[in-house]
């Protein structure tokens, strides 16, 4: 296991990430253990069944990853990922009723002009 101080992490995060590719990295804060970095590939976690899909779903649900990037992380076609999150009750579209109405009005105007 390797260690890095918070200040070292702030100054050179890529070095800590490189170290995490080889081994676990303990992040120290004021001489106290604070966090642990684990390289997902080196620990063979990312290749375990369902891990990619679970990570992608959680990141999308929390708004940390877009729908398209989540589907890519999950290694799924976009339509399949949309169906997956929909089955879980996770909304794919995050709009207010007013925004939806504006979109519908714009669509109606566009269709009327076509």
PDB file of N, CA and C in Angstrom:
ATOM      1  N   UNK A   1       0.850  -1.176   0.000  1.00  0.00           N
ATOM      2  CA  UNK A   1       0.000   0.000   0.000  1.00  0.00           C
ATOM      3  C   UNK A   1       0.892   1.233   0.000  1.00  0.00           C
ATOM      4  N   UNK A   2       0.467   2.221  -0.758  1.00  0.00           N
ATOM      5  CA  UNK A   2       1.215   3.475  -0.842  1.00  0.00           C
ATOM      6  C   UNK A   2       0.432   4.556  -0.117  1.00  0.00           C
ATOM      7  N   UNK A   3       1.120   5.633   0.236  1.00  0.00           N
ATOM      8  CA  UNK A   3       0.452   6.745   0.915  1.00  0.00           C
ATOM      9  C   UNK A   3       0.777   8.057   0.206  1.00  0.00           C
ATOM     10  N   UNK A   4      -0.148   8.986   0.347  1.00  0.00           N
ATOM     11  CA  UNK A   4       0.051  10.337  -0.169  1.00  0.00           C
ATOM     12  C   UNK A   4      -0.689  11.288   0.776  1.00  0.00           C
ATOM     13  N   UNK A   5      -0.100  12.446   1.011  1.00  0.00           N
ATOM     14  CA  UNK A   5      -0.757  13.462   1.833  1.00  0.00           C
ATOM     15  C   UNK A   5      -1.764  14.229   0.996  1.00  0.00           C
ATOM     16  N   UNK A   6      -2.728  14.843   1.654  1.00  0.00           N
ATOM     17  CA  UNK A   6      -3.731  15.638   0.952  1.00  0.00           C
ATOM     18  C   UNK A   6      -3.060  16.715   0.117  1.00  0.00           C
ATOM     19  N   UNK A   7      -2.028  17.351   0.657  1.00  0.00           N
ATOM     20  CA  UNK A   7      -1.339  18.403  -0.102  1.00  0.00           C
ATOM     21  C   UNK A   7      -0.701  17.826  -1.360  1.00  0.00           C
ATOM     22  N   UNK A   8      -0.135  16.620  -1.274  1.00  0.00           N
ATOM     23  CA  UNK A   8       0.431  15.966  -2.448  1.00  0.00           C
ATOM     24  C   UNK A   8      -0.648  15.622  -3.457  1.00  0.00           C
ATOM     25  N   UNK A   9      -1.812  15.255  -2.955  1.00  0.00           N
ATOM     26  CA  UNK A   9      -2.941  14.941  -3.828  1.00  0.00           C
ATOM     27  C   UNK A   9      -3.414  16.195  -4.560  1.00  0.00           C
ATOM     28  N   UNK A  10      -3.432  17.326  -3.844  1.00  0.00           N
ATOM     29  CA  UNK A  10      -3.844  18.588  -4.467  1.00  0.00           C
ATOM     30  C   UNK A  10      -2.834  19.031  -5.523  1.00  0.00           C
ATOM     31  N   UNK A  11      -1.547  18.894  -5.197  1.00  0.00           N
ATOM     32  CA  UNK A  11      -0.496  19.366  -6.098  1.00  0.00           C
ATOM     33  C   UNK A  11      -0.307  18.484  -7.323  1.00  0.00           C
ATOM     34  N   UNK A  12      -0.503  17.177  -7.167  1.00  0.00           N
ATOM     35  CA  UNK A  12      -0.243  16.270  -8.275  1.00  0.00           C
ATOM     36  C   UNK A  12      -1.209  15.081  -8.220  1.00  0.00           C
ATOM     37  N   UNK A  13      -2.481  15.310  -8.526  1.00  0.00           N
ATOM     38  CA  UNK A  13      -3.452  14.216  -8.448  1.00  0.00           C
ATOM     39  C   UNK A  13      -3.160  13.082  -9.423  1.00  0.00           C
ATOM     40  N   UNK A  14      -2.550  13.397 -10.567  1.00  0.00           N
ATOM     41  CA  UNK A  14      -2.268  12.347 -11.546  1.00  0.00           C
ATOM     42  C   UNK A  14      -1.254  11.344 -11.004  1.00  0.00           C
ATOM     43  N   UNK A  15      -0.335  11.781 -10.166  1.00  0.00           N
ATOM     44  CA  UNK A  15       0.642  10.859  -9.564  1.00  0.00           C
ATOM     45  C   UNK A  15      -0.067   9.870  -8.636  1.00  0.00           C
ATOM     46  N   UNK A  16      -0.995  10.356  -7.832  1.00  0.00           N
ATOM     47  CA  UNK A  16      -1.749   9.468  -6.942  1.00  0.00           C
ATOM     48  C   UNK A  16      -2.583   8.480  -7.762  1.00  0.00           C
ATOM     49  N   UNK A  17      -3.130   8.938  -8.858  1.00  0.00           N
ATOM     50  CA  UNK A  17      -3.914   8.058  -9.720  1.00  0.00           C
ATOM     51  C   UNK A  17      -3.028   6.983 -10.341  1.00  0.00           C
ATOM     52  N   UNK A  18      -1.836   7.373 -10.792  1.00  0.00           N
ATOM     53  CA  UNK A  18      -0.890   6.383 -11.330  1.00  0.00           C
ATOM     54  C   UNK A  18      -0.529   5.347 -10.276  1.00  0.00           C
ATOM     55  N   UNK A  19      -0.309   5.799  -9.038  1.00  0.00           N
ATOM     56  CA  UNK A  19       0.017   4.873  -7.958  1.00  0.00           C
ATOM     57  C   UNK A  19      -1.150   3.917  -7.701  1.00  0.00           C
ATOM     58  N   UNK A  20      -2.381   4.423  -7.798  1.00  0.00           N
ATOM     59  CA  UNK A  20      -3.571   3.592  -7.562  1.00  0.00           C
ATOM     60  C   UNK A  20      -3.749   2.532  -8.638  1.00  0.00           C
ATOM     61  N   UNK A  21      -3.135   2.736  -9.790  1.00  0.00           N
ATOM     62  CA  UNK A  21      -3.196   1.712 -10.831  1.00  0.00           C
ATOM     63  C   UNK A  21      -2.399   0.482 -10.437  1.00  0.00           C
ATOM     64  N   UNK A  22      -1.397   0.661  -9.584  1.00  0.00           N
ATOM     65  CA  UNK A  22      -0.530  -0.449  -9.163  1.00  0.00           C
ATOM     66  C   UNK A  22      -0.917  -1.038  -7.817  1.00  0.00           C
ATOM     67  N   UNK A  23      -1.413  -0.194  -6.926  1.00  0.00           N
ATOM     68  CA  UNK A  23      -1.677  -0.633  -5.554  1.00  0.00           C
ATOM     69  C   UNK A  23      -2.672   0.329  -4.911  1.00  0.00           C
ATOM     70  N   UNK A  24      -3.185  -0.041  -3.751  1.00  0.00           N
ATOM     71  CA  UNK A  24      -4.072   0.870  -3.019  1.00  0.00           C
ATOM     72  C   UNK A  24      -3.251   2.060  -2.525  1.00  0.00           C
ATOM     73  N   UNK A  25      -3.890   3.226  -2.473  1.00  0.00           N
ATOM     74  CA  UNK A  25      -3.223   4.442  -2.018  1.00  0.00           C
ATOM     75  C   UNK A  25      -4.018   5.014  -0.852  1.00  0.00           C
ATOM     76  N   UNK A  26      -3.369   5.125   0.278  1.00  0.00           N
ATOM     77  CA  UNK A  26      -3.988   5.703   1.465  1.00  0.00           C
ATOM     78  C   UNK A  26      -3.747   7.201   1.455  1.00  0.00           C
ATOM     79  N   UNK A  27      -4.810   7.990   1.556  1.00  0.00           N
ATOM     80  CA  UNK A  27      -4.712   9.445   1.587  1.00  0.00           C
ATOM     81  C   UNK A  27      -4.661   9.868   3.047  1.00  0.00           C
ATOM     82  N   UNK A  28      -3.593  10.561   3.397  1.00  0.00           N
ATOM     83  CA  UNK A  28      -3.402  11.019   4.769  1.00  0.00           C
ATOM     84  C   UNK A  28      -3.757  12.503   4.880  1.00  0.00           C
ATOM     85  N   UNK A  29      -4.437  12.858   5.956  1.00  0.00           N
ATOM     86  CA  UNK A  29      -4.806  14.243   6.233  1.00  0.00           C
ATOM     87  C   UNK A  29      -4.377  14.560   7.652  1.00  0.00           C
ATOM     88  N   UNK A  30      -3.374  15.432   7.777  1.00  0.00           N
ATOM     89  CA  UNK A  30      -2.824  15.792   9.090  1.00  0.00           C
ATOM     90  C   UNK A  30      -2.420  14.548   9.892  1.00  0.00           C
ATOM     91  N   UNK A  31      -1.662  13.699   9.238  1.00  0.00           N
ATOM     92  CA  UNK A  31      -1.133  12.469   9.839  1.00  0.00           C
ATOM     93  C   UNK A  31      -2.204  11.475  10.271  1.00  0.00           C
ATOM     94  N   UNK A  32      -3.396  11.605   9.722  1.00  0.00           N
ATOM     95  CA  UNK A  32      -4.478  10.664  10.005  1.00  0.00           C
ATOM     96  C   UNK A  32      -4.968  10.081   8.683  1.00  0.00           C
ATOM     97  N   UNK A  33      -5.234   8.779   8.630  1.00  0.00           N
ATOM     98  CA  UNK A  33      -5.800   8.211   7.408  1.00  0.00           C
ATOM     99  C   UNK A  33      -7.168   8.831   7.125  1.00  0.00           C
ATOM    100  N   UNK A  34      -7.391   9.241   5.885  1.00  0.00           N
ATOM    101  CA  UNK A  34      -8.621   9.944   5.552  1.00  0.00           C
ATOM    102  C   UNK A  34      -9.423   9.253   4.457  1.00  0.00           C
ATOM    103  N   UNK A  35      -8.752   8.689   3.462  1.00  0.00           N
ATOM    104  CA  UNK A  35      -9.453   8.057   2.338  1.00  0.00           C
ATOM    105  C   UNK A  35      -8.548   6.996   1.728  1.00  0.00           C
ATOM    106  N   UNK A  36      -9.160   6.188   0.902  1.00  0.00           N
ATOM    107  CA  UNK A  36      -8.430   5.124   0.235  1.00  0.00           C
ATOM    108  C   UNK A  36      -8.764   5.155  -1.252  1.00  0.00           C
ATOM    109  N   UNK A  37      -7.738   5.184  -2.095  1.00  0.00           N
ATOM    110  CA  UNK A  37      -7.920   5.122  -3.546  1.00  0.00           C
ATOM    111  C   UNK A  37      -7.601   3.708  -3.996  1.00  0.00           C
ATOM    112  N   UNK A  38      -8.505   3.166  -4.803  1.00  0.00           N
ATOM    113  CA  UNK A  38      -8.302   1.824  -5.329  1.00  0.00           C
ATOM    114  C   UNK A  38      -8.462   1.882  -6.838  1.00  0.00           C
ATOM    115  N   UNK A  39      -7.479   1.404  -7.559  1.00  0.00           N
ATOM    116  CA  UNK A  39      -7.573   1.335  -9.013  1.00  0.00           C
ATOM    117  C   UNK A  39      -8.560   0.253  -9.407  1.00  0.00           C
ATOM    118  N   UNK A  40      -9.635   0.631 -10.056  1.00  0.00           N
ATOM    119  CA  UNK A  40     -10.688  -0.333 -10.393  1.00  0.00           C
ATOM    120  C   UNK A  40     -10.195  -1.427 -11.332  1.00  0.00           C
ATOM    121  N   UNK A  41      -9.329  -1.075 -12.274  1.00  0.00           N
ATOM    122  CA  UNK A  41      -8.823  -2.091 -13.204  1.00  0.00           C
ATOM    123  C   UNK A  41      -7.832  -3.021 -12.507  1.00  0.00           C
ATOM    124  N   UNK A  42      -6.894  -2.444 -11.759  1.00  0.00           N
ATOM    125  CA  UNK A  42      -5.878  -3.290 -11.121  1.00  0.00           C
ATOM    126  C   UNK A  42      -6.483  -4.198 -10.059  1.00  0.00           C
ATOM    127  N   UNK A  43      -7.526  -3.750  -9.403  1.00  0.00           N
ATOM    128  CA  UNK A  43      -8.189  -4.581  -8.391  1.00  0.00           C
ATOM    129  C   UNK A  43      -9.197  -5.529  -9.028  1.00  0.00           C
ATOM    130  N   UNK A  44      -9.312  -5.438 -10.365  1.00  0.00           N
ATOM    131  CA  UNK A  44     -10.232  -6.282 -11.136  1.00  0.00           C
ATOM    132  C   UNK A  44     -11.684  -6.113 -10.700  1.00  0.00           C
ATOM    133  N   UNK A  45     -12.002  -4.932 -10.181  1.00  0.00           N
ATOM    134  CA  UNK A  45     -13.369  -4.642  -9.743  1.00  0.00           C
ATOM    135  C   UNK A  45     -14.253  -4.284 -10.929  1.00  0.00           C
ATOM    136  N   UNK A  46     -13.723  -3.478 -11.837  1.00  0.00           N
ATOM    137  CA  UNK A  46     -14.529  -2.969 -12.944  1.00  0.00           C
ATOM    138  C   UNK A  46     -14.995  -4.090 -13.872  1.00  0.00           C
ATOM    139  N   UNK A  47     -14.257  -5.191 -13.910  1.00  0.00           N
ATOM    140  CA  UNK A  47     -14.629  -6.303 -14.768  1.00  0.00           C
ATOM    141  C   UNK A  47     -15.605  -7.284 -14.141  1.00  0.00           C
ATOM    142  N   UNK A  48     -15.919  -7.096 -12.871  1.00  0.00           N
ATOM    143  CA  UNK A  48     -16.843  -8.005 -12.199  1.00  0.00           C
ATOM    144  C   UNK A  48     -18.257  -7.800 -12.753  1.00  0.00           C
ATOM    145  N   UNK A  49     -19.032  -8.875 -12.832  1.00  0.00           N
ATOM    146  CA  UNK A  49     -20.385  -8.768 -13.403  1.00  0.00           C
ATOM    147  C   UNK A  49     -21.249  -7.711 -12.695  1.00  0.00           C
ATOM    148  N   UNK A  50     -21.842  -6.833 -13.486  1.00  0.00           N
ATOM    149  CA  UNK A  50     -22.772  -5.840 -12.967  1.00  0.00           C
ATOM    150  C   UNK A  50     -22.151  -4.576 -12.412  1.00  0.00           C
ATOM    151  N   UNK A  51     -20.838  -4.536 -12.250  1.00  0.00           N
ATOM    152  CA  UNK A  51     -20.204  -3.362 -11.633  1.00  0.00           C
ATOM    153  C   UNK A  51     -20.319  -2.135 -12.527  1.00  0.00           C
ATOM    154  N   UNK A  52     -20.017  -2.277 -13.802  1.00  0.00           N
ATOM    155  CA  UNK A  52     -20.110  -1.136 -14.717  1.00  0.00           C
ATOM    156  C   UNK A  52     -21.535  -0.582 -14.749  1.00  0.00           C
ATOM    157  N   UNK A  53     -22.512  -1.470 -14.854  1.00  0.00           N
ATOM    158  CA  UNK A  53     -23.906  -1.038 -14.919  1.00  0.00           C
ATOM    159  C   UNK A  53     -24.315  -0.357 -13.617  1.00  0.00           C
ATOM    160  N   UNK A  54     -23.896  -0.909 -12.481  1.00  0.00           N
ATOM    161  CA  UNK A  54     -24.246  -0.314 -11.186  1.00  0.00           C
ATOM    162  C   UNK A  54     -23.607   1.059 -11.010  1.00  0.00           C
ATOM    163  N   UNK A  55     -22.327   1.184 -11.377  1.00  0.00           N
ATOM    164  CA  UNK A  55     -21.654   2.485 -11.284  1.00  0.00           C
ATOM    165  C   UNK A  55     -22.330   3.512 -12.182  1.00  0.00           C
ATOM    166  N   UNK A  56     -22.593   3.118 -13.416  1.00  0.00           N
ATOM    167  CA  UNK A  56     -23.218   4.032 -14.381  1.00  0.00           C
ATOM    168  C   UNK A  56     -24.592   4.471 -13.893  1.00  0.00           C
ATOM    169  N   UNK A  57     -25.358   3.537 -13.360  1.00  0.00           N
ATOM    170  CA  UNK A  57     -26.707   3.851 -12.876  1.00  0.00           C
ATOM    171  C   UNK A  57     -26.652   4.825 -11.712  1.00  0.00           C
ATOM    172  N   UNK A  58     -25.769   4.553 -10.759  1.00  0.00           N
ATOM    173  CA  UNK A  58     -25.650   5.432  -9.587  1.00  0.00           C
ATOM    174  C   UNK A  58     -25.175   6.825  -9.985  1.00  0.00           C
ATOM    175  N   UNK A  59     -24.193   6.901 -10.870  1.00  0.00           N
ATOM    176  CA  UNK A  59     -23.673   8.209 -11.295  1.00  0.00           C
ATOM    177  C   UNK A  59     -24.717   8.991 -12.079  1.00  0.00           C
ATOM    178  N   UNK A  60     -25.499   8.306 -12.910  1.00  0.00           N
ATOM    179  CA  UNK A  60     -26.562   8.991 -13.648  1.00  0.00           C
ATOM    180  C   UNK A  60     -27.657   9.458 -12.704  1.00  0.00           C
ATOM    181  N   UNK A  61     -28.067   8.603 -11.799  1.00  0.00           N
ATOM    182  CA  UNK A  61     -29.150   8.934 -10.862  1.00  0.00           C
ATOM    183  C   UNK A  61     -28.810  10.164 -10.036  1.00  0.00           C
ATOM    184  N   UNK A  62     -27.557  10.277  -9.626  1.00  0.00           N
ATOM    185  CA  UNK A  62     -27.120  11.414  -8.814  1.00  0.00           C
ATOM    186  C   UNK A  62     -26.818  12.653  -9.652  1.00  0.00           C
ATOM    187  N   UNK A  63     -26.888  12.542 -10.964  1.00  0.00           N
ATOM    188  CA  UNK A  63     -26.641  13.694 -11.833  1.00  0.00           C
ATOM    189  C   UNK A  63     -25.173  13.976 -12.072  1.00  0.00           C
ATOM    190  N   UNK A  64     -24.314  13.004 -11.790  1.00  0.00           N
ATOM    191  CA  UNK A  64     -22.882  13.202 -11.969  1.00  0.00           C
ATOM    192  C   UNK A  64     -22.374  12.792 -13.341  1.00  0.00           C
ATOM    193  N   UNK A  65     -23.219  12.104 -14.103  1.00  0.00           N
ATOM    194  CA  UNK A  65     -22.834  11.653 -15.430  1.00  0.00           C
ATOM    195  C   UNK A  65     -24.047  11.776 -16.348  1.00  0.00           C
ATOM    196  N   UNK A  66     -23.809  12.191 -17.568  1.00  0.00           N
ATOM    197  CA  UNK A  66     -24.913  12.332 -18.528  1.00  0.00           C
ATOM    198  C   UNK A  66     -25.451  10.958 -18.909  1.00  0.00           C
ATOM    199  N   UNK A  67     -26.595  10.961 -19.550  1.00  0.00           N
ATOM    200  CA  UNK A  67     -27.220   9.717 -19.992  1.00  0.00           C
ATOM    201  C   UNK A  67     -26.313   8.972 -20.970  1.00  0.00           C
ATOM    202  N   UNK A  68     -25.786   9.694 -21.945  1.00  0.00           N
ATOM    203  CA  UNK A  68     -24.933   9.061 -22.953  1.00  0.00           C
ATOM    204  C   UNK A  68     -23.647   8.504 -22.338  1.00  0.00           C
ATOM    205  N   UNK A  69     -23.017   9.266 -21.474  1.00  0.00           N
ATOM    206  CA  UNK A  69     -21.778   8.789 -20.843  1.00  0.00           C
ATOM    207  C   UNK A  69     -22.045   7.627 -19.894  1.00  0.00           C
ATOM    208  N   UNK A  70     -23.193   7.657 -19.248  1.00  0.00           N
ATOM    209  CA  UNK A  70     -23.566   6.549 -18.367  1.00  0.00           C
ATOM    210  C   UNK A  70     -23.757   5.270 -19.167  1.00  0.00           C
ATOM    211  N   UNK A  71     -24.418   5.385 -20.307  1.00  0.00           N
ATOM    212  CA  UNK A  71     -24.614   4.213 -21.173  1.00  0.00           C
ATOM    213  C   UNK A  71     -23.275   3.666 -21.636  1.00  0.00           C
ATOM    214  N   UNK A  72     -22.361   4.567 -21.971  1.00  0.00           N
ATOM    215  CA  UNK A  72     -21.027   4.135 -22.407  1.00  0.00           C
ATOM    216  C   UNK A  72     -20.290   3.434 -21.273  1.00  0.00           C
ATOM    217  N   UNK A  73     -20.339   4.006 -20.072  1.00  0.00           N
ATOM    218  CA  UNK A  73     -19.693   3.371 -18.911  1.00  0.00           C
ATOM    219  C   UNK A  73     -20.286   1.995 -18.650  1.00  0.00           C
ATOM    220  N   UNK A  74     -21.597   1.881 -18.788  1.00  0.00           N
ATOM    221  CA  UNK A  74     -22.283   0.608 -18.559  1.00  0.00           C
ATOM    222  C   UNK A  74     -22.018  -0.376 -19.693  1.00  0.00           C
ATOM    223  N   UNK A  75     -21.409   0.100 -20.779  1.00  0.00           N
ATOM    224  CA  UNK A  75     -21.137  -0.714 -21.961  1.00  0.00           C
ATOM    225  C   UNK A  75     -22.440  -1.251 -22.555  1.00  0.00           C
ATOM    226  N   UNK A  76     -23.421  -0.322 -22.629  1.00  0.00           N
ATOM    227  CA  UNK A  76     -24.742  -0.669 -23.151  1.00  0.00           C
ATOM    228  C   UNK A  76     -25.130   0.323 -24.240  1.00  0.00           C
ATOM    229  N   UNK A  77     -25.908  -0.129 -25.226  1.00  0.00           N
ATOM    230  CA  UNK A  77     -26.474   0.833 -26.177  1.00  0.00           C
ATOM    231  C   UNK A  77     -27.367   1.825 -25.419  1.00  0.00           C
ATOM    232  N   UNK A  78     -27.430   3.049 -25.903  1.00  0.00           N
ATOM    233  CA  UNK A  78     -28.188   4.100 -25.223  1.00  0.00           C
ATOM    234  C   UNK A  78     -29.631   3.684 -24.965  1.00  0.00           C
ATOM    235  N   UNK A  79     -30.282   3.111 -25.956  1.00  0.00           N
ATOM    236  CA  UNK A  79     -31.691   2.711 -25.791  1.00  0.00           C
ATOM    237  C   UNK A  79     -31.845   1.671 -24.681  1.00  0.00           C
ATOM    238  N   UNK A  80     -30.908   0.736 -24.599  1.00  0.00           N
ATOM    239  CA  UNK A  80     -30.969  -0.281 -23.541  1.00  0.00           C
ATOM    240  C   UNK A  80     -30.744   0.333 -22.163  1.00  0.00           C
ATOM    241  N   UNK A  81     -29.836   1.317 -22.080  1.00  0.00           N
ATOM    242  CA  UNK A  81     -29.587   1.965 -20.788  1.00  0.00           C
ATOM    243  C   UNK A  81     -30.810   2.780 -20.368  1.00  0.00           C
ATOM    244  N   UNK A  82     -31.452   3.439 -21.323  1.00  0.00           N
ATOM    245  CA  UNK A  82     -32.678   4.190 -21.012  1.00  0.00           C
ATOM    246  C   UNK A  82     -33.743   3.247 -20.464  1.00  0.00           C
ATOM    247  N   UNK A  83     -33.905   2.104 -21.103  1.00  0.00           N
ATOM    248  CA  UNK A  83     -34.885   1.113 -20.624  1.00  0.00           C
ATOM    249  C   UNK A  83     -34.506   0.613 -19.229  1.00  0.00           C
ATOM    250  N   UNK A  84     -33.218   0.393 -19.010  1.00  0.00           N
ATOM    251  CA  UNK A  84     -32.728  -0.087 -17.713  1.00  0.00           C
ATOM    252  C   UNK A  84     -33.062   0.898 -16.590  1.00  0.00           C
ATOM    253  N   UNK A  85     -32.699   2.173 -16.767  1.00  0.00           N
ATOM    254  CA  UNK A  85     -32.956   3.144 -15.689  1.00  0.00           C
ATOM    255  C   UNK A  85     -34.452   3.410 -15.533  1.00  0.00           C
ATOM    256  N   UNK A  86     -35.183   3.349 -16.629  1.00  0.00           N
ATOM    257  CA  UNK A  86     -36.634   3.545 -16.550  1.00  0.00           C
ATOM    258  C   UNK A  86     -37.282   2.443 -15.718  1.00  0.00           C
ATOM    259  N   UNK A  87     -36.835   1.191 -15.919  1.00  0.00           N
ATOM    260  CA  UNK A  87     -37.362   0.077 -15.118  1.00  0.00           C
ATOM    261  C   UNK A  87     -37.082   0.277 -13.630  1.00  0.00           C
ATOM    262  N   UNK A  88     -35.999   0.981 -13.325  1.00  0.00           N
ATOM    263  CA  UNK A  88     -35.641   1.254 -11.928  1.00  0.00           C
ATOM    264  C   UNK A  88     -36.372   2.474 -11.368  1.00  0.00           C
ATOM    265  N   UNK A  89     -37.170   3.127 -12.201  1.00  0.00           N
ATOM    266  CA  UNK A  89     -37.915   4.298 -11.757  1.00  0.00           C
ATOM    267  C   UNK A  89     -37.092   5.570 -11.743  1.00  0.00           C
ATOM    268  N   UNK A  90     -35.977   5.565 -12.464  1.00  0.00           N
ATOM    269  CA  UNK A  90     -35.116   6.746 -12.545  1.00  0.00           C
ATOM    270  C   UNK A  90     -35.532   7.540 -13.772  1.00  0.00           C
ATOM    271  N   UNK A  91     -35.878   8.797 -13.557  1.00  0.00           N
ATOM    272  CA  UNK A  91     -36.331   9.649 -14.648  1.00  0.00           C
ATOM    273  C   UNK A  91     -35.187   9.942 -15.616  1.00  0.00           C
ATOM    274  N   UNK A  92     -35.484   9.801 -16.902  1.00  0.00           N
ATOM    275  CA  UNK A  92     -34.489  10.068 -17.930  1.00  0.00           C
ATOM    276  C   UNK A  92     -34.492  11.544 -18.310  1.00  0.00           C
ATOM    277  N   UNK A  93     -35.654  12.171 -18.242  1.00  0.00           N
ATOM    278  CA  UNK A  93     -35.797  13.582 -18.590  1.00  0.00           C
ATOM    279  C   UNK A  93     -36.045  14.371 -17.318  1.00  0.00           C
ATOM    280  N   UNK A  94     -35.253  15.393 -17.123  1.00  0.00           N
ATOM    281  CA  UNK A  94     -35.358  16.222 -15.923  1.00  0.00           C
ATOM    282  C   UNK A  94     -35.788  17.629 -16.334  1.00  0.00           C
ATOM    283  N   UNK A  95     -37.099  17.804 -16.532  1.00  0.00           N
ATOM    284  CA  UNK A  95     -37.636  19.098 -16.926  1.00  0.00           C
ATOM    285  C   UNK A  95     -38.849  19.426 -16.069  1.00  0.00           C
ATOM    286  N   UNK A  96     -39.080  20.714 -15.920  1.00  0.00           N
ATOM    287  CA  UNK A  96     -40.288  21.152 -15.236  1.00  0.00           C
ATOM    288  C   UNK A  96     -41.458  21.050 -16.210  1.00  0.00           C
ATOM    289  N   UNK A  97     -42.674  21.136 -15.684  1.00  0.00           N
ATOM    290  CA  UNK A  97     -43.867  21.097 -16.533  1.00  0.00           C
ATOM    291  C   UNK A  97     -43.850  22.260 -17.527  1.00  0.00           C
ATOM    292  N   UNK A  98     -43.377  23.408 -17.081  1.00  0.00           N
ATOM    293  CA  UNK A  98     -43.297  24.577 -17.958  1.00  0.00           C
ATOM    294  C   UNK A  98     -42.320  24.334 -19.112  1.00  0.00           C
ATOM    295  N   UNK A  99     -41.177  23.731 -18.831  1.00  0.00           N
ATOM    296  CA  UNK A  99     -40.199  23.438 -19.875  1.00  0.00           C
ATOM    297  C   UNK A  99     -40.745  22.420 -20.879  1.00  0.00           C
ATOM    298  N   UNK A 100     -41.458  21.427 -20.380  1.00  0.00           N
ATOM    299  CA  UNK A 100     -42.063  20.436 -21.268  1.00  0.00           C
ATOM    300  C   UNK A 100     -43.093  21.110 -22.168  1.00  0.00           C
ATOM    301  N   UNK A 101     -43.897  22.003 -21.593  1.00  0.00           N
ATOM    302  CA  UNK A 101     -44.910  22.709 -22.385  1.00  0.00           C
ATOM    303  C   UNK A 101     -44.252  23.574 -23.459  1.00  0.00           C
ATOM    304  N   UNK A 102     -43.151  24.250 -23.124  1.00  0.00           N
ATOM    305  CA  UNK A 102     -42.437  25.048 -24.114  1.00  0.00           C
ATOM    306  C   UNK A 102     -41.918  24.169 -25.250  1.00  0.00           C
ATOM    307  N   UNK A 103     -41.394  23.003 -24.902  1.00  0.00           N
ATOM    308  CA  UNK A 103     -40.910  22.078 -25.934  1.00  0.00           C
ATOM    309  C   UNK A 103     -42.056  21.601 -26.816  1.00  0.00           C
ATOM    310  N   UNK A 104     -43.199  21.303 -26.212  1.00  0.00           N
ATOM    311  CA  UNK A 104     -44.361  20.847 -26.981  1.00  0.00           C
ATOM    312  C   UNK A 104     -44.866  21.958 -27.901  1.00  0.00           C
ATOM    313  N   UNK A 105     -44.891  23.193 -27.404  1.00  0.00           N
ATOM    314  CA  UNK A 105     -45.309  24.328 -28.230  1.00  0.00           C
ATOM    315  C   UNK A 105     -44.361  24.500 -29.416  1.00  0.00           C
ATOM    316  N   UNK A 106     -43.068  24.397 -29.158  1.00  0.00           N
ATOM    317  CA  UNK A 106     -42.086  24.527 -30.234  1.00  0.00           C
ATOM    318  C   UNK A 106     -42.260  23.415 -31.265  1.00  0.00           C
ATOM    319  N   UNK A 107     -42.529  22.205 -30.803  1.00  0.00           N
ATOM    320  CA  UNK A 107     -42.749  21.082 -31.715  1.00  0.00           C
ATOM    321  C   UNK A 107     -43.993  21.307 -32.564  1.00  0.00           C
ATOM    322  N   UNK A 108     -45.054  21.768 -31.926  1.00  0.00           N
ATOM    323  CA  UNK A 108     -46.300  22.033 -32.663  1.00  0.00           C
ATOM    324  C   UNK A 108     -46.085  23.108 -33.731  1.00  0.00           C
ATOM    325  N   UNK A 109     -45.337  24.161 -33.387  1.00  0.00           N
ATOM    326  CA  UNK A 109     -45.055  25.223 -34.363  1.00  0.00           C
ATOM    327  C   UNK A 109     -44.233  24.671 -35.516  1.00  0.00           C
ATOM    328  N   UNK A 110     -43.268  23.849 -35.206  1.00  0.00           N
ATOM    329  CA  UNK A 110     -42.418  23.275 -36.228  1.00  0.00           C
ATOM    330  C   UNK A 110     -43.223  22.367 -37.147  1.00  0.00           C
ATOM    331  N   UNK A 111     -44.097  21.537 -36.558  1.00  0.00           N
ATOM    332  CA  UNK A 111     -44.924  20.637 -37.362  1.00  0.00           C
ATOM    333  C   UNK A 111     -45.910  21.407 -38.243  1.00  0.00           C
ATOM    334  N   UNK A 112     -46.423  22.517 -37.720  1.00  0.00           N
ATOM    335  CA  UNK A 112     -47.372  23.333 -38.493  1.00  0.00           C
ATOM    336  C   UNK A 112     -46.693  23.969 -39.689  1.00  0.00           C
ATOM    337  N   UNK A 113     -45.416  24.257 -39.564  1.00  0.00           N
ATOM    338  CA  UNK A 113     -44.661  24.886 -40.650  1.00  0.00           C
ATOM    339  C   UNK A 113     -44.120  23.882 -41.661  1.00  0.00           C
ATOM    340  N   UNK A 114     -44.171  22.616 -41.327  1.00  0.00           N
ATOM    341  CA  UNK A 114     -43.581  21.597 -42.225  1.00  0.00           C
ATOM    342  C   UNK A 114     -44.502  21.212 -43.350  1.00  0.00           C
TER     343      UNK A 114
END
